[in-house]
Amino acid sequence: MTRGRWRKSSYSDVPQGSCVEVSLGTDDAGIRDSKNACGPALSINPAAWAALVAHSVRTTSDPR
């Protein structure tokens, strides 16, 4: 698996420190806690990443 560089979420500057980083690769997307960069990362396939992003956009746009 080859991933790109880790990028911090634009919502990561909240006072509570709830931060995630994402690294998109050719075969997967990695998601990790930015406060624990050496810790475990969740790896999901491109279809699951696309579904997560689409759901997040819908939820953020219409929080019903």
PDB file of N, CA and C in Angstrom:
ATOM      1  N   MET A   1       0.832  -1.184   0.000  1.00  0.00           N
ATOM      2  CA  MET A   1       0.000   0.000   0.000  1.00  0.00           C
ATOM      3  C   MET A   1       0.877   1.247   0.000  1.00  0.00           C
ATOM      4  N   THR A   2       0.596   2.127  -0.915  1.00  0.00           N
ATOM      5  CA  THR A   2       1.316   3.394  -0.950  1.00  0.00           C
ATOM      6  C   THR A   2       0.340   4.508  -0.636  1.00  0.00           C
ATOM      7  N   ARG A   3       0.636   5.232   0.423  1.00  0.00           N
ATOM      8  CA  ARG A   3      -0.228   6.337   0.837  1.00  0.00           C
ATOM      9  C   ARG A   3       0.473   7.653   0.597  1.00  0.00           C
ATOM     10  N   GLY A   4      -0.336   8.677   0.471  1.00  0.00           N
ATOM     11  CA  GLY A   4       0.196  10.032   0.397  1.00  0.00           C
ATOM     12  C   GLY A   4       0.510  10.530   1.799  1.00  0.00           C
ATOM     13  N   ARG A   5       0.779  11.811   1.906  1.00  0.00           N
ATOM     14  CA  ARG A   5       1.090  12.362   3.230  1.00  0.00           C
ATOM     15  C   ARG A   5      -0.193  12.498   4.050  1.00  0.00           C
ATOM     16  N   TRP A   6      -0.033  12.483   5.352  1.00  0.00           N
ATOM     17  CA  TRP A   6      -1.160  12.631   6.259  1.00  0.00           C
ATOM     18  C   TRP A   6      -1.602  14.090   6.280  1.00  0.00           C
ATOM     19  N   ARG A   7      -2.917  14.315   6.193  1.00  0.00           N
ATOM     20  CA  ARG A   7      -3.482  15.665   6.232  1.00  0.00           C
ATOM     21  C   ARG A   7      -4.472  15.752   7.386  1.00  0.00           C
ATOM     22  N   LYS A   8      -4.404  16.838   8.127  1.00  0.00           N
ATOM     23  CA  LYS A   8      -5.283  17.043   9.277  1.00  0.00           C
ATOM     24  C   LYS A   8      -6.628  17.595   8.806  1.00  0.00           C
ATOM     25  N   SER A   9      -7.688  17.151   9.456  1.00  0.00           N
ATOM     26  CA  SER A   9      -9.029  17.637   9.155  1.00  0.00           C
ATOM     27  C   SER A   9      -9.124  19.139   9.377  1.00  0.00           C
ATOM     28  N   SER A  10      -9.913  19.811   8.553  1.00  0.00           N
ATOM     29  CA  SER A  10     -10.107  21.258   8.726  1.00  0.00           C
ATOM     30  C   SER A  10     -10.892  21.570   9.993  1.00  0.00           C
ATOM     31  N   TYR A  11     -11.531  20.580  10.592  1.00  0.00           N
ATOM     32  CA  TYR A  11     -12.274  20.765  11.834  1.00  0.00           C
ATOM     33  C   TYR A  11     -11.433  20.415  13.062  1.00  0.00           C
ATOM     34  N   SER A  12     -10.153  20.205  12.889  1.00  0.00           N
ATOM     35  CA  SER A  12      -9.292  19.729  13.966  1.00  0.00           C
ATOM     36  C   SER A  12      -8.823  20.793  14.939  1.00  0.00           C
ATOM     37  N   ASP A  13      -9.164  22.026  14.745  1.00  0.00           N
ATOM     38  CA  ASP A  13      -8.700  23.078  15.646  1.00  0.00           C
ATOM     39  C   ASP A  13      -9.680  23.378  16.768  1.00  0.00           C
ATOM     40  N   VAL A  14     -10.489  22.405  17.112  1.00  0.00           N
ATOM     41  CA  VAL A  14     -11.448  22.603  18.188  1.00  0.00           C
ATOM     42  C   VAL A  14     -10.750  22.472  19.538  1.00  0.00           C
ATOM     43  N   PRO A  15     -11.226  23.183  20.558  1.00  0.00           N
ATOM     44  CA  PRO A  15     -10.567  23.155  21.870  1.00  0.00           C
ATOM     45  C   PRO A  15     -10.487  21.768  22.517  1.00  0.00           C
ATOM     46  N   GLN A  16     -11.437  20.886  22.233  1.00  0.00           N
ATOM     47  CA  GLN A  16     -11.436  19.559  22.866  1.00  0.00           C
ATOM     48  C   GLN A  16     -10.343  18.656  22.322  1.00  0.00           C
ATOM     49  N   GLY A  17      -9.744  19.027  21.201  1.00  0.00           N
ATOM     50  CA  GLY A  17      -8.664  18.214  20.647  1.00  0.00           C
ATOM     51  C   GLY A  17      -9.118  16.991  19.892  1.00  0.00           C
ATOM     52  N   SER A  18     -10.362  16.955  19.459  1.00  0.00           N
ATOM     53  CA  SER A  18     -10.866  15.826  18.674  1.00  0.00           C
ATOM     54  C   SER A  18     -10.376  15.978  17.245  1.00  0.00           C
ATOM     55  N   CYS A  19      -9.257  15.347  16.928  1.00  0.00           N
ATOM     56  CA  CYS A  19      -8.605  15.565  15.647  1.00  0.00           C
ATOM     57  C   CYS A  19      -8.388  14.258  14.902  1.00  0.00           C
ATOM     58  N   VAL A  20      -8.595  14.302  13.600  1.00  0.00           N
ATOM     59  CA  VAL A  20      -8.284  13.149  12.763  1.00  0.00           C
ATOM     60  C   VAL A  20      -7.408  13.597  11.606  1.00  0.00           C
ATOM     61  N   GLU A  21      -6.621  12.648  11.111  1.00  0.00           N
ATOM     62  CA  GLU A  21      -5.812  12.867   9.922  1.00  0.00           C
ATOM     63  C   GLU A  21      -6.166  11.785   8.918  1.00  0.00           C
ATOM     64  N   VAL A  22      -6.032  12.140   7.640  1.00  0.00           N
ATOM     65  CA  VAL A  22      -6.363  11.220   6.558  1.00  0.00           C
ATOM     66  C   VAL A  22      -5.187  11.158   5.596  1.00  0.00           C
ATOM     67  N   SER A  23      -4.922   9.973   5.096  1.00  0.00           N
ATOM     68  CA  SER A  23      -3.910   9.787   4.070  1.00  0.00           C
ATOM     69  C   SER A  23      -4.527   8.928   2.974  1.00  0.00           C
ATOM     70  N   LEU A  24      -4.652   9.503   1.798  1.00  0.00           N
ATOM     71  CA  LEU A  24      -5.276   8.776   0.693  1.00  0.00           C
ATOM     72  C   LEU A  24      -4.213   8.083  -0.140  1.00  0.00           C
ATOM     73  N   GLY A  25      -4.450   6.818  -0.413  1.00  0.00           N
ATOM     74  CA  GLY A  25      -3.524   6.030  -1.214  1.00  0.00           C
ATOM     75  C   GLY A  25      -4.208   5.472  -2.439  1.00  0.00           C
ATOM     76  N   THR A  26      -3.506   4.681  -3.189  1.00  0.00           N
ATOM     77  CA  THR A  26      -4.082   4.098  -4.392  1.00  0.00           C
ATOM     78  C   THR A  26      -5.041   2.955  -4.065  1.00  0.00           C
ATOM     79  N   ASP A  27      -4.775   2.237  -2.976  1.00  0.00           N
ATOM     80  CA  ASP A  27      -5.587   1.080  -2.617  1.00  0.00           C
ATOM     81  C   ASP A  27      -6.426   1.269  -1.366  1.00  0.00           C
ATOM     82  N   ASP A  28      -6.174   2.348  -0.628  1.00  0.00           N
ATOM     83  CA  ASP A  28      -6.898   2.537   0.625  1.00  0.00           C
ATOM     84  C   ASP A  28      -6.843   3.992   1.077  1.00  0.00           C
ATOM     85  N   ALA A  29      -7.612   4.261   2.103  1.00  0.00           N
ATOM     86  CA  ALA A  29      -7.552   5.545   2.811  1.00  0.00           C
ATOM     87  C   ALA A  29      -7.227   5.212   4.260  1.00  0.00           C
ATOM     88  N   GLY A  30      -6.265   5.929   4.814  1.00  0.00           N
ATOM     89  CA  GLY A  30      -5.896   5.731   6.207  1.00  0.00           C
ATOM     90  C   GLY A  30      -6.475   6.856   7.046  1.00  0.00           C
ATOM     91  N   ILE A  31      -6.987   6.511   8.214  1.00  0.00           N
ATOM     92  CA  ILE A  31      -7.563   7.486   9.135  1.00  0.00           C
ATOM     93  C   ILE A  31      -6.935   7.228  10.498  1.00  0.00           C
ATOM     94  N   ARG A  32      -6.423   8.305  11.132  1.00  0.00           N
ATOM     95  CA  ARG A  32      -5.800   8.127  12.445  1.00  0.00           C
ATOM     96  C   ARG A  32      -6.072   9.338  13.331  1.00  0.00           C
ATOM     97  N   ASP A  33      -5.825   9.156  14.608  1.00  0.00           N
ATOM     98  CA  ASP A  33      -5.938  10.214  15.605  1.00  0.00           C
ATOM     99  C   ASP A  33      -4.675  11.067  15.509  1.00  0.00           C
ATOM    100  N   SER A  34      -4.834  12.360  15.241  1.00  0.00           N
ATOM    101  CA  SER A  34      -3.657  13.207  15.064  1.00  0.00           C
ATOM    102  C   SER A  34      -2.854  13.382  16.354  1.00  0.00           C
ATOM    103  N   LYS A  35      -3.471  13.140  17.504  1.00  0.00           N
ATOM    104  CA  LYS A  35      -2.750  13.250  18.770  1.00  0.00           C
ATOM    105  C   LYS A  35      -1.895  12.018  19.039  1.00  0.00           C
ATOM    106  N   ASN A  36      -2.092  10.961  18.241  1.00  0.00           N
ATOM    107  CA  ASN A  36      -1.364   9.711  18.426  1.00  0.00           C
ATOM    108  C   ASN A  36      -0.871   9.223  17.065  1.00  0.00           C
ATOM    109  N   ALA A  37      -0.011  10.020  16.435  1.00  0.00           N
ATOM    110  CA  ALA A  37       0.440   9.730  15.072  1.00  0.00           C
ATOM    111  C   ALA A  37       1.170   8.393  14.945  1.00  0.00           C
ATOM    112  N   CYS A  38       1.773   7.915  16.012  1.00  0.00           N
ATOM    113  CA  CYS A  38       2.476   6.630  15.966  1.00  0.00           C
ATOM    114  C   CYS A  38       1.563   5.464  16.327  1.00  0.00           C
ATOM    115  N   GLY A  39       0.329   5.773  16.679  1.00  0.00           N
ATOM    116  CA  GLY A  39      -0.623   4.740  17.065  1.00  0.00           C
ATOM    117  C   GLY A  39      -1.268   4.082  15.856  1.00  0.00           C
ATOM    118  N   PRO A  40      -2.308   3.305  16.095  1.00  0.00           N
ATOM    119  CA  PRO A  40      -2.953   2.579  15.004  1.00  0.00           C
ATOM    120  C   PRO A  40      -3.694   3.519  14.046  1.00  0.00           C
ATOM    121  N   ALA A  41      -3.879   3.045  12.830  1.00  0.00           N
ATOM    122  CA  ALA A  41      -4.643   3.766  11.822  1.00  0.00           C
ATOM    123  C   ALA A  41      -5.690   2.818  11.248  1.00  0.00           C
ATOM    124  N   LEU A  42      -6.835   3.352  10.954  1.00  0.00           N
ATOM    125  CA  LEU A  42      -7.894   2.588  10.312  1.00  0.00           C
ATOM    126  C   LEU A  42      -7.658   2.652   8.813  1.00  0.00           C
ATOM    127  N   SER A  43      -7.716   1.526   8.143  1.00  0.00           N
ATOM    128  CA  SER A  43      -7.518   1.473   6.704  1.00  0.00           C
ATOM    129  C   SER A  43      -8.813   1.002   6.053  1.00  0.00           C
ATOM    130  N   ILE A  44      -9.353   1.806   5.122  1.00  0.00           N
ATOM    131  CA  ILE A  44     -10.586   1.430   4.433  1.00  0.00           C
ATOM    132  C   ILE A  44     -10.380   1.538   2.926  1.00  0.00           C
ATOM    133  N   ASN A  45     -11.173   0.793   2.170  1.00  0.00           N
ATOM    134  CA  ASN A  45     -11.012   0.798   0.718  1.00  0.00           C
ATOM    135  C   ASN A  45     -11.626   2.062   0.111  1.00  0.00           C
ATOM    136  N   PRO A  46     -11.295   2.368  -1.139  1.00  0.00           N
ATOM    137  CA  PRO A  46     -11.772   3.608  -1.764  1.00  0.00           C
ATOM    138  C   PRO A  46     -13.294   3.756  -1.788  1.00  0.00           C
ATOM    139  N   ALA A  47     -14.017   2.665  -1.989  1.00  0.00           N
ATOM    140  CA  ALA A  47     -15.487   2.742  -2.008  1.00  0.00           C
ATOM    141  C   ALA A  47     -16.030   3.119  -0.633  1.00  0.00           C
ATOM    142  N   ALA A  48     -15.457   2.560   0.416  1.00  0.00           N
ATOM    143  CA  ALA A  48     -15.889   2.891   1.770  1.00  0.00           C
ATOM    144  C   ALA A  48     -15.550   4.344   2.099  1.00  0.00           C
ATOM    145  N   TRP A  49     -14.384   4.816   1.656  1.00  0.00           N
ATOM    146  CA  TRP A  49     -13.994   6.215   1.884  1.00  0.00           C
ATOM    147  C   TRP A  49     -14.983   7.154   1.179  1.00  0.00           C
ATOM    148  N   ALA A  50     -15.326   6.856  -0.066  1.00  0.00           N
ATOM    149  CA  ALA A  50     -16.273   7.687  -0.820  1.00  0.00           C
ATOM    150  C   ALA A  50     -17.637   7.717  -0.131  1.00  0.00           C
ATOM    151  N   ALA A  51     -18.081   6.577   0.376  1.00  0.00           N
ATOM    152  CA  ALA A  51     -19.360   6.518   1.084  1.00  0.00           C
ATOM    153  C   ALA A  51     -19.311   7.321   2.383  1.00  0.00           C
ATOM    154  N   LEU A  52     -18.197   7.248   3.112  1.00  0.00           N
ATOM    155  CA  LEU A  52     -18.041   8.006   4.353  1.00  0.00           C
ATOM    156  C   LEU A  52     -18.079   9.504   4.078  1.00  0.00           C
ATOM    157  N   VAL A  53     -17.361   9.943   3.060  1.00  0.00           N
ATOM    158  CA  VAL A  53     -17.339  11.370   2.714  1.00  0.00           C
ATOM    159  C   VAL A  53     -18.729  11.823   2.273  1.00  0.00           C
ATOM    160  N   ALA A  54     -19.406  11.043   1.431  1.00  0.00           N
ATOM    161  CA  ALA A  54     -20.746  11.403   0.963  1.00  0.00           C
ATOM    162  C   ALA A  54     -21.721  11.501   2.132  1.00  0.00           C
ATOM    163  N   HIS A  55     -21.637  10.564   3.061  1.00  0.00           N
ATOM    164  CA  HIS A  55     -22.514  10.594   4.237  1.00  0.00           C
ATOM    165  C   HIS A  55     -22.213  11.814   5.094  1.00  0.00           C
ATOM    166  N   SER A  56     -20.936  12.110   5.269  1.00  0.00           N
ATOM    167  CA  SER A  56     -20.549  13.275   6.077  1.00  0.00           C
ATOM    168  C   SER A  56     -21.069  14.570   5.472  1.00  0.00           C
ATOM    169  N   VAL A  57     -20.992  14.688   4.166  1.00  0.00           N
ATOM    170  CA  VAL A  57     -21.483  15.888   3.488  1.00  0.00           C
ATOM    171  C   VAL A  57     -22.993  16.004   3.660  1.00  0.00           C
ATOM    172  N   ARG A  58     -23.708  14.920   3.489  1.00  0.00           N
ATOM    173  CA  ARG A  58     -25.170  14.939   3.670  1.00  0.00           C
ATOM    174  C   ARG A  58     -25.539  15.286   5.102  1.00  0.00           C
ATOM    175  N   THR A  59     -24.858  14.692   6.060  1.00  0.00           N
ATOM    176  CA  THR A  59     -25.156  14.925   7.471  1.00  0.00           C
ATOM    177  C   THR A  59     -24.854  16.363   7.880  1.00  0.00           C
ATOM    178  N   THR A  60     -23.757  16.888   7.387  1.00  0.00           N
ATOM    179  CA  THR A  60     -23.364  18.261   7.711  1.00  0.00           C
ATOM    180  C   THR A  60     -24.312  19.255   7.055  1.00  0.00           C
ATOM    181  N   SER A  61     -24.735  18.979   5.836  1.00  0.00           N
ATOM    182  CA  SER A  61     -25.612  19.879   5.088  1.00  0.00           C
ATOM    183  C   SER A  61     -27.042  19.845   5.611  1.00  0.00           C
ATOM    184  N   ASP A  62     -27.490  18.687   6.077  1.00  0.00           N
ATOM    185  CA  ASP A  62     -28.863  18.508   6.528  1.00  0.00           C
ATOM    186  C   ASP A  62     -28.870  17.657   7.789  1.00  0.00           C
ATOM    187  N   PRO A  63     -28.630  18.249   8.958  1.00  0.00           N
ATOM    188  CA  PRO A  63     -28.436  17.484  10.208  1.00  0.00           C
ATOM    189  C   PRO A  63     -29.713  16.907  10.814  1.00  0.00           C
ATOM    190  N   ARG A  64     -30.585  16.327   9.984  1.00  0.00           N
ATOM    191  CA  ARG A  64     -31.811  15.721  10.528  1.00  0.00           C
ATOM    192  C   ARG A  64     -31.553  14.393  11.137  1.00  0.00           C
TER     193      ARG A  64
END
